[in-house]
Amino acid sequence: MYPGTVNGINEYSINIARKRIQNLFRNGLKLVEMVRSKSEINTLILALLGDLITGYIHEELLEENELSPTQACVEVLDLLTAGIDFLLKNAKLQQIIIPCCCGNHGRTTIKPRVSTYSQNSFEWLVYKFLEKQYKDRNEHRVTVIPPDGYFTHILVYDKLIRFHHGDGIKYQGGVGGVEIPLNKAIAQWNTARTAYLDVMGHWHSRKCSRNFAINGSVIGYNPYSIKIKAGFEPPCQSFFLIHPEWGKTVEAPILLDS
C-alpha cells in the first residue's frame, strides 16, 4: 500500500508487515506480564481471524500484491511460527489455544463460497500446516483449531466464545455504525447457539462492547478504511482477559509500530 492512497498517513509492505508482526508478539507479551501482577495467566488464546493473505480476488491485485497468494502462504506460516515459538520460549504459558477463521480476502475463488467458505481459502491451508507442524513436534502446549465453516467456537471456563472473520455482517456505512447490524446478527446467531462473546476482525477498527470484540488491523488505515468510513487508528491488535467469574475484563490495544 502506497502512502498516497491514504493521504500519507500510513504505508504497508512486506518488511513493514514483518516488523509489525514481531511487535505484536513482543508487545502482547508485555501486556501479559503487566496483568500478571494481579492475575494468574497460564493459557493464551491467539485468535487468527482471517485476511492474513490476499488472493487474486480482484483484477487490480495481480499488479498490487507484493507476493503471490502461494508465496504469501509461506511468509505467513513463517511469521506465525516465529511468533508462537517466541511465546513458548518466553511467556511461561501452559497452553496456547489458536482458534482460526478464514477471511474474505484469502479465498482461492473470484466469488465467495458459502458451504465451502473455509475449504476454498489459502488461509485454511496455512492453518492446517501450522497444526501439523506442532503435532509433528509433539508440542502439547499448542492447540491449533482450523475452521470447518464460517464460525469457530471454543469454551473458555463456562463461556462460549464465537470467532469469525466479520464479513458476515452487512453494513453500508449507516449513521449508527457497524454495531447495529452486528447486534442484530448476534441475536439471530444466538437463536441457534448462544455465545457469551463474538470475536472478529474485518472492519479495520478496534471496538469492544459487552458482547463482542472487533480486532484492529495489522495493515492499519487503508483505502478500504476510507471506503467504509472507519475512523483513523494506528495499526494495532486487541488484547483482553476472560475472568472465570466476571467474564471479559481488562481490554487494551497492542500497538504495532512501537
C-alpha atoms as a PDB file:
ATOM      1  CA  MET A   1       0.000   0.000   0.000  1.00  0.00           C
ATOM      2  CA  TYR A   2       1.447   3.346  -1.066  1.00  0.00           C
ATOM      3  CA  PRO A   3       1.166   6.288   1.374  1.00  0.00           C
ATOM      4  CA  GLY A   4      -0.521   8.447  -1.268  1.00  0.00           C
ATOM      5  CA  THR A   5      -3.609   6.205  -1.300  1.00  0.00           C
ATOM      6  CA  VAL A   6      -4.376   7.240   2.309  1.00  0.00           C
ATOM      7  CA  ASN A   7      -3.122  10.833   2.239  1.00  0.00           C
ATOM      8  CA  GLY A   8       0.307   9.867   3.526  1.00  0.00           C
ATOM      9  CA  ILE A   9      -0.783   8.720   6.998  1.00  0.00           C
ATOM     10  CA  ASN A  10       0.121   5.041   6.600  1.00  0.00           C
ATOM     11  CA  GLU A  11       2.025   2.618   4.387  1.00  0.00           C
ATOM     12  CA  TYR A  12       2.377  -1.135   4.166  1.00  0.00           C
ATOM     13  CA  SER A  13       4.878  -3.577   2.666  1.00  0.00           C
ATOM     14  CA  ILE A  14       6.336  -6.998   3.386  1.00  0.00           C
ATOM     15  CA  ASN A  15       9.099  -5.502   5.527  1.00  0.00           C
ATOM     16  CA  ILE A  16       6.618  -3.384   7.471  1.00  0.00           C
ATOM     17  CA  ALA A  17       4.375  -6.440   7.956  1.00  0.00           C
ATOM     18  CA  ARG A  18       7.282  -8.452   9.373  1.00  0.00           C
ATOM     19  CA  LYS A  19       8.163  -5.728  11.857  1.00  0.00           C
ATOM     20  CA  ARG A  20       4.546  -5.261  12.969  1.00  0.00           C
ATOM     21  CA  ILE A  21       4.008  -8.996  13.486  1.00  0.00           C
ATOM     22  CA  GLN A  22       7.168  -9.174  15.589  1.00  0.00           C
ATOM     23  CA  ASN A  23       5.877  -6.246  17.641  1.00  0.00           C
ATOM     24  CA  LEU A  24       2.517  -7.994  18.029  1.00  0.00           C
ATOM     25  CA  PHE A  25       4.079 -10.919  19.876  1.00  0.00           C
ATOM     26  CA  ARG A  26       6.598  -8.851  21.843  1.00  0.00           C
ATOM     27  CA  ASN A  27       4.143  -6.140  22.906  1.00  0.00           C
ATOM     28  CA  GLY A  28       1.445  -8.723  23.560  1.00  0.00           C
ATOM     29  CA  LEU A  29       3.788 -10.479  25.973  1.00  0.00           C
ATOM     30  CA  LYS A  30       4.434  -7.149  27.724  1.00  0.00           C
ATOM     31  CA  LEU A  31       0.703  -6.825  28.388  1.00  0.00           C
ATOM     32  CA  VAL A  32       0.549 -10.397  29.703  1.00  0.00           C
ATOM     33  CA  GLU A  33       3.394  -9.646  32.116  1.00  0.00           C
ATOM     34  CA  MET A  34       1.740  -6.390  33.165  1.00  0.00           C
ATOM     35  CA  VAL A  35      -1.562  -8.012  34.174  1.00  0.00           C
ATOM     36  CA  ARG A  36       0.211 -10.958  35.796  1.00  0.00           C
ATOM     37  CA  SER A  37       0.950  -8.700  38.745  1.00  0.00           C
ATOM     38  CA  LYS A  38      -2.726  -9.155  39.728  1.00  0.00           C
ATOM     39  CA  SER A  39      -3.840 -12.285  37.850  1.00  0.00           C
ATOM     40  CA  GLU A  40      -2.600 -15.816  37.261  1.00  0.00           C
ATOM     41  CA  ILE A  41      -2.325 -16.397  33.500  1.00  0.00           C
ATOM     42  CA  ASN A  42      -1.431 -19.864  32.236  1.00  0.00           C
ATOM     43  CA  THR A  43      -3.415 -20.009  28.978  1.00  0.00           C
ATOM     44  CA  LEU A  44      -3.246 -17.674  25.994  1.00  0.00           C
ATOM     45  CA  ILE A  45      -5.835 -17.664  23.210  1.00  0.00           C
ATOM     46  CA  LEU A  46      -4.283 -16.452  19.963  1.00  0.00           C
ATOM     47  CA  ALA A  47      -7.140 -15.880  17.522  1.00  0.00           C
ATOM     48  CA  LEU A  48      -6.247 -15.911  13.819  1.00  0.00           C
ATOM     49  CA  LEU A  49      -9.242 -14.127  12.330  1.00  0.00           C
ATOM     50  CA  GLY A  50      -8.538 -14.178   8.598  1.00  0.00           C
ATOM     51  CA  ASP A  51      -7.371 -11.799   5.876  1.00  0.00           C
ATOM     52  CA  LEU A  52      -3.795 -12.843   6.583  1.00  0.00           C
ATOM     53  CA  ILE A  53      -3.440 -13.382   2.820  1.00  0.00           C
ATOM     54  CA  THR A  54      -4.874 -11.519  -0.146  1.00  0.00           C
ATOM     55  CA  GLY A  55      -5.755 -13.727  -3.093  1.00  0.00           C
ATOM     56  CA  TYR A  56      -6.300 -12.572  -6.656  1.00  0.00           C
ATOM     57  CA  ILE A  57      -9.940 -11.810  -5.962  1.00  0.00           C
ATOM     58  CA  HIS A  58      -9.853  -8.578  -8.000  1.00  0.00           C
ATOM     59  CA  GLU A  59      -8.015  -7.892 -11.244  1.00  0.00           C
ATOM     60  CA  GLU A  60      -6.034  -4.993  -9.750  1.00  0.00           C
ATOM     61  CA  LEU A  61      -4.483  -7.303  -7.137  1.00  0.00           C
ATOM     62  CA  LEU A  62      -2.473  -9.068  -9.844  1.00  0.00           C
ATOM     63  CA  GLU A  63      -0.485  -5.836 -10.046  1.00  0.00           C
ATOM     64  CA  GLU A  64      -0.696  -4.586  -6.456  1.00  0.00           C
ATOM     65  CA  ASN A  65       0.156  -7.709  -4.425  1.00  0.00           C
ATOM     66  CA  GLU A  66       3.798  -7.756  -3.373  1.00  0.00           C
ATOM     67  CA  LEU A  67       3.637 -11.563  -3.041  1.00  0.00           C
ATOM     68  CA  SER A  68       1.534 -14.093  -4.890  1.00  0.00           C
ATOM     69  CA  PRO A  69      -1.009 -15.941  -2.709  1.00  0.00           C
ATOM     70  CA  THR A  70       1.179 -19.063  -2.615  1.00  0.00           C
ATOM     71  CA  GLN A  71       4.262 -17.038  -1.673  1.00  0.00           C
ATOM     72  CA  ALA A  72       2.204 -15.291   0.988  1.00  0.00           C
ATOM     73  CA  CYS A  73       1.244 -18.679   2.477  1.00  0.00           C
ATOM     74  CA  VAL A  74       4.910 -19.458   3.127  1.00  0.00           C
ATOM     75  CA  GLU A  75       5.560 -15.979   4.540  1.00  0.00           C
ATOM     76  CA  VAL A  76       2.559 -16.089   6.894  1.00  0.00           C
ATOM     77  CA  LEU A  77       3.409 -19.583   8.122  1.00  0.00           C
ATOM     78  CA  ASP A  78       6.979 -18.479   8.914  1.00  0.00           C
ATOM     79  CA  LEU A  79       5.826 -15.335  10.754  1.00  0.00           C
ATOM     80  CA  LEU A  80       3.244 -17.211  12.817  1.00  0.00           C
ATOM     81  CA  THR A  81       5.690 -19.980  13.696  1.00  0.00           C
ATOM     82  CA  ALA A  82       8.335 -17.485  14.814  1.00  0.00           C
ATOM     83  CA  GLY A  83       5.796 -15.649  16.978  1.00  0.00           C
ATOM     84  CA  ILE A  84       4.368 -18.772  18.587  1.00  0.00           C
ATOM     85  CA  ASP A  85       7.848 -20.120  19.270  1.00  0.00           C
ATOM     86  CA  PHE A  86       8.734 -16.781  20.878  1.00  0.00           C
ATOM     87  CA  LEU A  87       5.773 -17.147  23.235  1.00  0.00           C
ATOM     88  CA  LEU A  88       6.625 -20.779  24.020  1.00  0.00           C
ATOM     89  CA  LYS A  89      10.132 -19.736  24.973  1.00  0.00           C
ATOM     90  CA  ASN A  90       9.389 -16.555  26.898  1.00  0.00           C
ATOM     91  CA  ALA A  91       5.766 -16.383  28.091  1.00  0.00           C
ATOM     92  CA  LYS A  92       5.724 -19.142  30.758  1.00  0.00           C
ATOM     93  CA  LEU A  93       2.427 -20.495  29.423  1.00  0.00           C
ATOM     94  CA  GLN A  94       0.996 -23.947  29.950  1.00  0.00           C
ATOM     95  CA  GLN A  95      -1.210 -23.739  26.877  1.00  0.00           C
ATOM     96  CA  ILE A  96      -1.641 -21.672  23.699  1.00  0.00           C
ATOM     97  CA  ILE A  97      -5.008 -22.218  22.009  1.00  0.00           C
ATOM     98  CA  ILE A  98      -5.275 -20.963  18.423  1.00  0.00           C
ATOM     99  CA  PRO A  99      -8.838 -20.717  17.033  1.00  0.00           C
ATOM    100  CA  CYS A 100      -8.644 -19.976  13.304  1.00  0.00           C
ATOM    101  CA  CYS A 101     -11.000 -18.270  10.868  1.00  0.00           C
ATOM    102  CA  CYS A 102     -10.766 -17.626   7.148  1.00  0.00           C
ATOM    103  CA  GLY A 103     -11.261 -14.165   5.681  1.00  0.00           C
ATOM    104  CA  ASN A 104     -12.924 -12.983   2.509  1.00  0.00           C
ATOM    105  CA  HIS A 105      -9.624 -11.721   1.039  1.00  0.00           C
ATOM    106  CA  GLY A 106      -7.853 -15.061   1.407  1.00  0.00           C
ATOM    107  CA  ARG A 107     -10.212 -17.036  -0.796  1.00  0.00           C
ATOM    108  CA  THR A 108      -8.994 -19.019  -3.814  1.00  0.00           C
ATOM    109  CA  THR A 109     -12.084 -18.157  -5.880  1.00  0.00           C
ATOM    110  CA  ILE A 110     -13.246 -14.931  -7.514  1.00  0.00           C
ATOM    111  CA  LYS A 111     -16.668 -15.046  -5.847  1.00  0.00           C
ATOM    112  CA  PRO A 112     -17.139 -16.028  -2.189  1.00  0.00           C
ATOM    113  CA  ARG A 113     -18.380 -19.524  -1.414  1.00  0.00           C
ATOM    114  CA  VAL A 114     -20.855 -20.346   1.341  1.00  0.00           C
ATOM    115  CA  SER A 115     -20.812 -24.055   2.212  1.00  0.00           C
ATOM    116  CA  THR A 116     -17.095 -24.346   1.277  1.00  0.00           C
ATOM    117  CA  TYR A 117     -16.063 -20.937   2.673  1.00  0.00           C
ATOM    118  CA  SER A 118     -13.062 -22.327   4.560  1.00  0.00           C
ATOM    119  CA  GLN A 119     -12.047 -25.084   2.159  1.00  0.00           C
ATOM    120  CA  ASN A 120     -11.632 -22.558  -0.670  1.00  0.00           C
ATOM    121  CA  SER A 121      -9.152 -20.464   1.297  1.00  0.00           C
ATOM    122  CA  PHE A 122      -5.381 -20.108   1.218  1.00  0.00           C
ATOM    123  CA  GLU A 123      -5.557 -19.376   4.942  1.00  0.00           C
ATOM    124  CA  TRP A 124      -7.163 -22.743   5.677  1.00  0.00           C
ATOM    125  CA  LEU A 125      -4.098 -24.368   4.105  1.00  0.00           C
ATOM    126  CA  VAL A 126      -1.769 -22.299   6.315  1.00  0.00           C
ATOM    127  CA  TYR A 127      -3.730 -23.275   9.421  1.00  0.00           C
ATOM    128  CA  LYS A 128      -3.534 -26.965   8.548  1.00  0.00           C
ATOM    129  CA  PHE A 129       0.235 -26.736   8.042  1.00  0.00           C
ATOM    130  CA  LEU A 130       0.549 -24.869  11.350  1.00  0.00           C
ATOM    131  CA  GLU A 131      -1.459 -27.568  13.104  1.00  0.00           C
ATOM    132  CA  LYS A 132       0.646 -30.342  11.556  1.00  0.00           C
ATOM    133  CA  GLN A 133       3.881 -28.602  12.413  1.00  0.00           C
ATOM    134  CA  TYR A 134       3.209 -28.525  16.156  1.00  0.00           C
ATOM    135  CA  LYS A 135       1.749 -32.028  16.173  1.00  0.00           C
ATOM    136  CA  ASP A 136       4.883 -33.322  14.453  1.00  0.00           C
ATOM    137  CA  ARG A 137       6.968 -31.613  17.141  1.00  0.00           C
ATOM    138  CA  ASN A 138       4.826 -33.206  19.876  1.00  0.00           C
ATOM    139  CA  GLU A 139       4.373 -29.707  21.248  1.00  0.00           C
ATOM    140  CA  HIS A 140       1.392 -30.334  23.526  1.00  0.00           C
ATOM    141  CA  ARG A 141       1.233 -26.740  24.713  1.00  0.00           C
ATOM    142  CA  VAL A 142      -0.058 -25.615  21.296  1.00  0.00           C
ATOM    143  CA  THR A 143      -3.568 -26.439  20.047  1.00  0.00           C
ATOM    144  CA  VAL A 144      -4.439 -25.175  16.564  1.00  0.00           C
ATOM    145  CA  ILE A 145      -8.141 -25.289  15.608  1.00  0.00           C
ATOM    146  CA  PRO A 146      -8.562 -24.944  11.810  1.00  0.00           C
ATOM    147  CA  PRO A 147     -12.061 -23.863  10.733  1.00  0.00           C
ATOM    148  CA  ASP A 148     -14.633 -26.177   9.200  1.00  0.00           C
ATOM    149  CA  GLY A 149     -17.094 -23.398   8.406  1.00  0.00           C
ATOM    150  CA  TYR A 150     -17.599 -19.693   8.989  1.00  0.00           C
ATOM    151  CA  PHE A 151     -17.629 -19.965  12.814  1.00  0.00           C
ATOM    152  CA  THR A 152     -15.053 -21.427  15.194  1.00  0.00           C
ATOM    153  CA  HIS A 153     -16.278 -21.955  18.773  1.00  0.00           C
ATOM    154  CA  ILE A 154     -14.260 -22.588  21.925  1.00  0.00           C
ATOM    155  CA  LEU A 155     -15.267 -22.811  25.565  1.00  0.00           C
ATOM    156  CA  VAL A 156     -13.367 -20.542  27.961  1.00  0.00           C
ATOM    157  CA  TYR A 157     -14.255 -21.557  31.504  1.00  0.00           C
ATOM    158  CA  ASP A 158     -18.073 -21.839  31.169  1.00  0.00           C
ATOM    159  CA  LYS A 159     -18.334 -19.162  28.469  1.00  0.00           C
ATOM    160  CA  LEU A 160     -18.735 -19.962  24.772  1.00  0.00           C
ATOM    161  CA  ILE A 161     -16.685 -17.685  22.522  1.00  0.00           C
ATOM    162  CA  ARG A 162     -17.681 -17.449  18.846  1.00  0.00           C
ATOM    163  CA  PHE A 163     -14.862 -16.477  16.484  1.00  0.00           C
ATOM    164  CA  HIS A 164     -15.452 -15.406  12.880  1.00  0.00           C
ATOM    165  CA  HIS A 165     -13.917 -13.091  10.336  1.00  0.00           C
ATOM    166  CA  GLY A 166     -16.674 -10.481  10.446  1.00  0.00           C
ATOM    167  CA  ASP A 167     -17.668 -10.257   6.787  1.00  0.00           C
ATOM    168  CA  GLY A 168     -20.940 -11.974   7.650  1.00  0.00           C
ATOM    169  CA  ILE A 169     -22.105  -8.559   8.896  1.00  0.00           C
ATOM    170  CA  LYS A 170     -23.687  -6.380   6.222  1.00  0.00           C
ATOM    171  CA  TYR A 171     -23.069  -2.699   6.836  1.00  0.00           C
ATOM    172  CA  GLN A 172     -23.341   0.136   4.317  1.00  0.00           C
ATOM    173  CA  GLY A 173     -21.880   2.991   6.325  1.00  0.00           C
ATOM    174  CA  GLY A 174     -25.017   3.966   8.232  1.00  0.00           C
ATOM    175  CA  VAL A 175     -25.078   6.597  10.976  1.00  0.00           C
ATOM    176  CA  GLY A 176     -25.338   4.012  13.765  1.00  0.00           C
ATOM    177  CA  GLY A 177     -22.120   2.283  12.732  1.00  0.00           C
ATOM    178  CA  VAL A 178     -21.435  -1.427  12.472  1.00  0.00           C
ATOM    179  CA  GLU A 179     -22.784  -2.055  15.988  1.00  0.00           C
ATOM    180  CA  ILE A 180     -26.453  -2.009  14.897  1.00  0.00           C
ATOM    181  CA  PRO A 181     -26.237  -4.713  12.177  1.00  0.00           C
ATOM    182  CA  LEU A 182     -23.730  -6.619  14.320  1.00  0.00           C
ATOM    183  CA  ASN A 183     -26.051  -6.790  17.333  1.00  0.00           C
ATOM    184  CA  LYS A 184     -28.923  -7.872  15.071  1.00  0.00           C
ATOM    185  CA  ALA A 185     -26.736 -10.638  13.622  1.00  0.00           C
ATOM    186  CA  ILE A 186     -25.584 -11.792  17.069  1.00  0.00           C
ATOM    187  CA  ALA A 187     -29.203 -12.034  18.232  1.00  0.00           C
ATOM    188  CA  GLN A 188     -30.047 -14.226  15.230  1.00  0.00           C
ATOM    189  CA  TRP A 189     -26.973 -16.440  15.614  1.00  0.00           C
ATOM    190  CA  ASN A 190     -27.766 -16.883  19.305  1.00  0.00           C
ATOM    191  CA  THR A 191     -31.108 -18.494  18.425  1.00  0.00           C
ATOM    192  CA  ALA A 192     -29.085 -21.463  17.147  1.00  0.00           C
ATOM    193  CA  ARG A 193     -26.193 -21.441  19.637  1.00  0.00           C
ATOM    194  CA  THR A 194     -25.832 -18.786  22.299  1.00  0.00           C
ATOM    195  CA  ALA A 195     -22.366 -17.283  22.658  1.00  0.00           C
ATOM    196  CA  TYR A 196     -21.098 -15.155  25.518  1.00  0.00           C
ATOM    197  CA  LEU A 197     -18.858 -13.180  23.168  1.00  0.00           C
ATOM    198  CA  ASP A 198     -18.323 -12.715  19.410  1.00  0.00           C
ATOM    199  CA  VAL A 199     -14.717 -12.032  18.349  1.00  0.00           C
ATOM    200  CA  MET A 200     -13.985 -10.890  14.783  1.00  0.00           C
ATOM    201  CA  GLY A 201     -11.776  -8.783  12.526  1.00  0.00           C
ATOM    202  CA  HIS A 202     -12.542  -7.465   9.015  1.00  0.00           C
ATOM    203  CA  TRP A 203     -13.552  -3.921   9.950  1.00  0.00           C
ATOM    204  CA  HIS A 204     -10.059  -2.377  10.367  1.00  0.00           C
ATOM    205  CA  SER A 205     -11.142  -0.609  13.568  1.00  0.00           C
ATOM    206  CA  ARG A 206     -10.800  -1.957  17.099  1.00  0.00           C
ATOM    207  CA  LYS A 207     -14.064  -1.900  19.061  1.00  0.00           C
ATOM    208  CA  CYS A 208     -15.106  -3.690  22.235  1.00  0.00           C
ATOM    209  CA  SER A 209     -18.510  -3.998  23.840  1.00  0.00           C
ATOM    210  CA  ARG A 210     -20.236  -6.252  26.340  1.00  0.00           C
ATOM    211  CA  ASN A 211     -20.984  -8.979  23.801  1.00  0.00           C
ATOM    212  CA  PHE A 212     -18.411  -8.500  21.034  1.00  0.00           C
ATOM    213  CA  ALA A 213     -14.791  -7.610  20.337  1.00  0.00           C
ATOM    214  CA  ILE A 214     -13.679  -6.366  16.917  1.00  0.00           C
ATOM    215  CA  ASN A 215      -9.962  -6.675  16.343  1.00  0.00           C
ATOM    216  CA  GLY A 216      -7.770  -3.947  14.915  1.00  0.00           C
ATOM    217  CA  SER A 217      -5.711  -4.317  11.753  1.00  0.00           C
ATOM    218  CA  VAL A 218      -2.038  -5.064  11.110  1.00  0.00           C
ATOM    219  CA  ILE A 219      -2.326  -3.167   7.822  1.00  0.00           C
ATOM    220  CA  GLY A 220      -3.909  -0.219   9.600  1.00  0.00           C
ATOM    221  CA  TYR A 221      -5.704   2.634   7.868  1.00  0.00           C
ATOM    222  CA  ASN A 222      -6.033   1.862   4.152  1.00  0.00           C
ATOM    223  CA  PRO A 223      -8.304   2.620   1.171  1.00  0.00           C
ATOM    224  CA  TYR A 224     -10.856   0.101   2.491  1.00  0.00           C
ATOM    225  CA  SER A 225     -10.986   2.042   5.775  1.00  0.00           C
ATOM    226  CA  ILE A 226     -11.811   5.176   3.805  1.00  0.00           C
ATOM    227  CA  LYS A 227     -14.488   3.348   1.804  1.00  0.00           C
ATOM    228  CA  ILE A 228     -16.336   2.096   4.903  1.00  0.00           C
ATOM    229  CA  LYS A 229     -15.837   5.451   6.678  1.00  0.00           C
ATOM    230  CA  ALA A 230     -13.799   3.927   9.500  1.00  0.00           C
ATOM    231  CA  GLY A 231     -12.195   6.311  11.948  1.00  0.00           C
ATOM    232  CA  PHE A 232      -8.413   6.518  11.831  1.00  0.00           C
ATOM    233  CA  GLU A 233      -6.423   4.423  14.277  1.00  0.00           C
ATOM    234  CA  PRO A 234      -2.786   3.295  14.256  1.00  0.00           C
ATOM    235  CA  PRO A 235      -2.044  -0.345  13.325  1.00  0.00           C
ATOM    236  CA  CYS A 236      -2.992  -2.434  16.339  1.00  0.00           C
ATOM    237  CA  GLN A 237      -4.492  -5.659  17.611  1.00  0.00           C
ATOM    238  CA  SER A 238      -6.755  -6.384  20.583  1.00  0.00           C
ATOM    239  CA  PHE A 239      -5.879  -7.823  23.981  1.00  0.00           C
ATOM    240  CA  PHE A 240      -8.375  -8.729  26.684  1.00  0.00           C
ATOM    241  CA  LEU A 241      -8.750 -11.022  29.657  1.00  0.00           C
ATOM    242  CA  ILE A 242     -11.501 -13.522  30.417  1.00  0.00           C
ATOM    243  CA  HIS A 243     -12.072 -13.901  34.148  1.00  0.00           C
ATOM    244  CA  PRO A 244     -13.695 -17.159  35.345  1.00  0.00           C
ATOM    245  CA  GLU A 245     -16.353 -15.222  37.276  1.00  0.00           C
ATOM    246  CA  TRP A 246     -16.558 -11.749  35.708  1.00  0.00           C
ATOM    247  CA  GLY A 247     -16.001 -12.626  32.052  1.00  0.00           C
ATOM    248  CA  LYS A 248     -14.309 -10.102  29.763  1.00  0.00           C
ATOM    249  CA  THR A 249     -12.462  -7.582  31.899  1.00  0.00           C
ATOM    250  CA  VAL A 250      -9.175  -5.862  31.030  1.00  0.00           C
ATOM    251  CA  GLU A 251      -9.085  -4.684  27.387  1.00  0.00           C
ATOM    252  CA  ALA A 252      -6.265  -2.839  25.637  1.00  0.00           C
ATOM    253  CA  PRO A 253      -4.703  -2.287  22.195  1.00  0.00           C
ATOM    254  CA  ILE A 254      -1.468  -3.984  21.172  1.00  0.00           C
ATOM    255  CA  LEU A 255       0.329  -1.228  19.276  1.00  0.00           C
ATOM    256  CA  LEU A 256       2.357  -2.469  16.323  1.00  0.00           C
ATOM    257  CA  ASP A 257       4.534   0.482  15.290  1.00  0.00           C
ATOM    258  CA  SER A 258       6.375   0.858  18.571  1.00  0.00           C
END
